[in-house]
Amino acid sequence: MILKILIIAAVIAAVYFLFFKTTPEAKVSKKTSKKSTKNIDADEMVECASCGVYAEIDECILSNGKYYCSHECLAKAK
């Protein structure tokens, strides 16, 4: 009788650890990915801080944390 109870408890524990219990490493990586800075793709469009035109981020000029579509817009902003 006790052997049956121990086997059932072992099966329940195995199912719990296999399917419901996550490793601490997985929890840490999920938390850090949410808190990490936003990853910007090369084809992402951003708005020019001066004229409002949208341009691809790899073609823009970054100055003081703002994106500008051209040197003319950058000069107007300063």
C-alpha atoms as a PDB file:
ATOM      1  CA  MET A   1       0.000   0.000   0.000  1.00  0.00           C
ATOM      2  CA  ILE A   2       2.770   2.434   0.929  1.00  0.00           C
ATOM      3  CA  LEU A   3       4.700   1.469  -2.198  1.00  0.00           C
ATOM      4  CA  LYS A   4       1.734   2.441  -4.397  1.00  0.00           C
ATOM      5  CA  ILE A   5       1.465   5.834  -2.674  1.00  0.00           C
ATOM      6  CA  LEU A   6       5.209   6.471  -3.134  1.00  0.00           C
ATOM      7  CA  ILE A   7       5.046   5.537  -6.837  1.00  0.00           C
ATOM      8  CA  ILE A   8       2.047   7.831  -7.410  1.00  0.00           C
ATOM      9  CA  ALA A   9       3.799  10.673  -5.566  1.00  0.00           C
ATOM     10  CA  ALA A  10       6.947  10.139  -7.672  1.00  0.00           C
ATOM     11  CA  VAL A  11       4.942  10.242 -10.919  1.00  0.00           C
ATOM     12  CA  ILE A  12       3.148  13.424  -9.831  1.00  0.00           C
ATOM     13  CA  ALA A  13       6.459  15.026  -8.856  1.00  0.00           C
ATOM     14  CA  ALA A  14       8.045  14.025 -12.174  1.00  0.00           C
ATOM     15  CA  VAL A  15       5.140  15.487 -14.155  1.00  0.00           C
ATOM     16  CA  TYR A  16       5.317  18.703 -12.128  1.00  0.00           C
ATOM     17  CA  PHE A  17       9.063  19.153 -12.629  1.00  0.00           C
ATOM     18  CA  LEU A  18       8.936  18.281 -16.324  1.00  0.00           C
ATOM     19  CA  PHE A  19       5.982  20.423 -17.382  1.00  0.00           C
ATOM     20  CA  PHE A  20       5.324  23.134 -14.811  1.00  0.00           C
ATOM     21  CA  LYS A  21       8.612  23.976 -13.144  1.00  0.00           C
ATOM     22  CA  THR A  22      10.843  26.267 -15.204  1.00  0.00           C
ATOM     23  CA  THR A  23      14.527  26.723 -14.621  1.00  0.00           C
ATOM     24  CA  PRO A  24      15.732  29.924 -12.978  1.00  0.00           C
ATOM     25  CA  GLU A  25      17.895  30.655 -16.046  1.00  0.00           C
ATOM     26  CA  ALA A  26      14.815  30.801 -18.259  1.00  0.00           C
ATOM     27  CA  LYS A  27      13.098  33.180 -15.866  1.00  0.00           C
ATOM     28  CA  VAL A  28      16.127  35.456 -15.754  1.00  0.00           C
ATOM     29  CA  SER A  29      16.471  35.583 -19.534  1.00  0.00           C
ATOM     30  CA  LYS A  30      12.791  36.463 -19.949  1.00  0.00           C
ATOM     31  CA  LYS A  31      13.051  39.269 -17.410  1.00  0.00           C
ATOM     32  CA  THR A  32      16.232  40.708 -18.879  1.00  0.00           C
ATOM     33  CA  SER A  33      14.861  40.618 -22.402  1.00  0.00           C
ATOM     34  CA  LYS A  34      11.892  42.741 -21.321  1.00  0.00           C
ATOM     35  CA  LYS A  35      14.099  45.198 -19.459  1.00  0.00           C
ATOM     36  CA  SER A  36      16.806  45.389 -22.129  1.00  0.00           C
ATOM     37  CA  THR A  37      16.892  48.254 -24.541  1.00  0.00           C
ATOM     38  CA  LYS A  38      14.747  48.042 -27.607  1.00  0.00           C
ATOM     39  CA  ASN A  39      16.469  46.218 -30.442  1.00  0.00           C
ATOM     40  CA  ILE A  40      16.122  48.280 -33.587  1.00  0.00           C
ATOM     41  CA  ASP A  41      15.932  46.483 -36.920  1.00  0.00           C
ATOM     42  CA  ALA A  42      17.690  47.919 -39.944  1.00  0.00           C
ATOM     43  CA  ASP A  43      14.425  48.223 -41.865  1.00  0.00           C
ATOM     44  CA  GLU A  44      12.538  49.997 -39.088  1.00  0.00           C
ATOM     45  CA  MET A  45      11.051  53.369 -39.988  1.00  0.00           C
ATOM     46  CA  VAL A  46      11.512  56.364 -37.681  1.00  0.00           C
ATOM     47  CA  GLU A  47      10.086  59.869 -37.834  1.00  0.00           C
ATOM     48  CA  CYS A  48      12.329  62.842 -38.468  1.00  0.00           C
ATOM     49  CA  ALA A  49      12.341  65.146 -35.445  1.00  0.00           C
ATOM     50  CA  SER A  50      12.340  68.234 -37.667  1.00  0.00           C
ATOM     51  CA  CYS A  51      10.044  67.663 -40.653  1.00  0.00           C
ATOM     52  CA  GLY A  52       8.098  64.544 -39.627  1.00  0.00           C
ATOM     53  CA  VAL A  53       9.021  62.435 -42.651  1.00  0.00           C
ATOM     54  CA  TYR A  54       9.474  58.712 -42.022  1.00  0.00           C
ATOM     55  CA  ALA A  55      12.748  57.194 -43.180  1.00  0.00           C
ATOM     56  CA  GLU A  56      14.617  53.959 -42.632  1.00  0.00           C
ATOM     57  CA  ILE A  57      16.708  54.013 -39.498  1.00  0.00           C
ATOM     58  CA  ASP A  58      19.938  53.088 -41.286  1.00  0.00           C
ATOM     59  CA  GLU A  59      19.567  56.141 -43.554  1.00  0.00           C
ATOM     60  CA  CYS A  60      18.851  58.595 -40.707  1.00  0.00           C
ATOM     61  CA  ILE A  61      21.205  60.784 -38.711  1.00  0.00           C
ATOM     62  CA  LEU A  62      21.119  60.343 -34.926  1.00  0.00           C
ATOM     63  CA  SER A  63      21.868  63.493 -32.940  1.00  0.00           C
ATOM     64  CA  ASN A  64      21.096  64.070 -29.246  1.00  0.00           C
ATOM     65  CA  GLY A  65      18.809  61.028 -29.152  1.00  0.00           C
ATOM     66  CA  LYS A  66      16.664  62.232 -32.092  1.00  0.00           C
ATOM     67  CA  TYR A  67      16.589  60.977 -35.664  1.00  0.00           C
ATOM     68  CA  TYR A  68      16.834  63.349 -38.646  1.00  0.00           C
ATOM     69  CA  CYS A  69      16.224  62.414 -42.283  1.00  0.00           C
ATOM     70  CA  SER A  70      18.926  64.710 -43.705  1.00  0.00           C
ATOM     71  CA  HIS A  71      21.665  67.157 -42.801  1.00  0.00           C
ATOM     72  CA  GLU A  72      19.317  70.034 -43.738  1.00  0.00           C
ATOM     73  CA  CYS A  73      16.783  68.964 -41.098  1.00  0.00           C
ATOM     74  CA  LEU A  74      19.590  68.563 -38.583  1.00  0.00           C
ATOM     75  CA  ALA A  75      20.802  72.112 -39.317  1.00  0.00           C
ATOM     76  CA  LYS A  76      17.238  73.496 -38.985  1.00  0.00           C
ATOM     77  CA  ALA A  77      16.845  71.860 -35.597  1.00  0.00           C
ATOM     78  CA  LYS A  78      19.974  73.500 -34.236  1.00  0.00           C
END
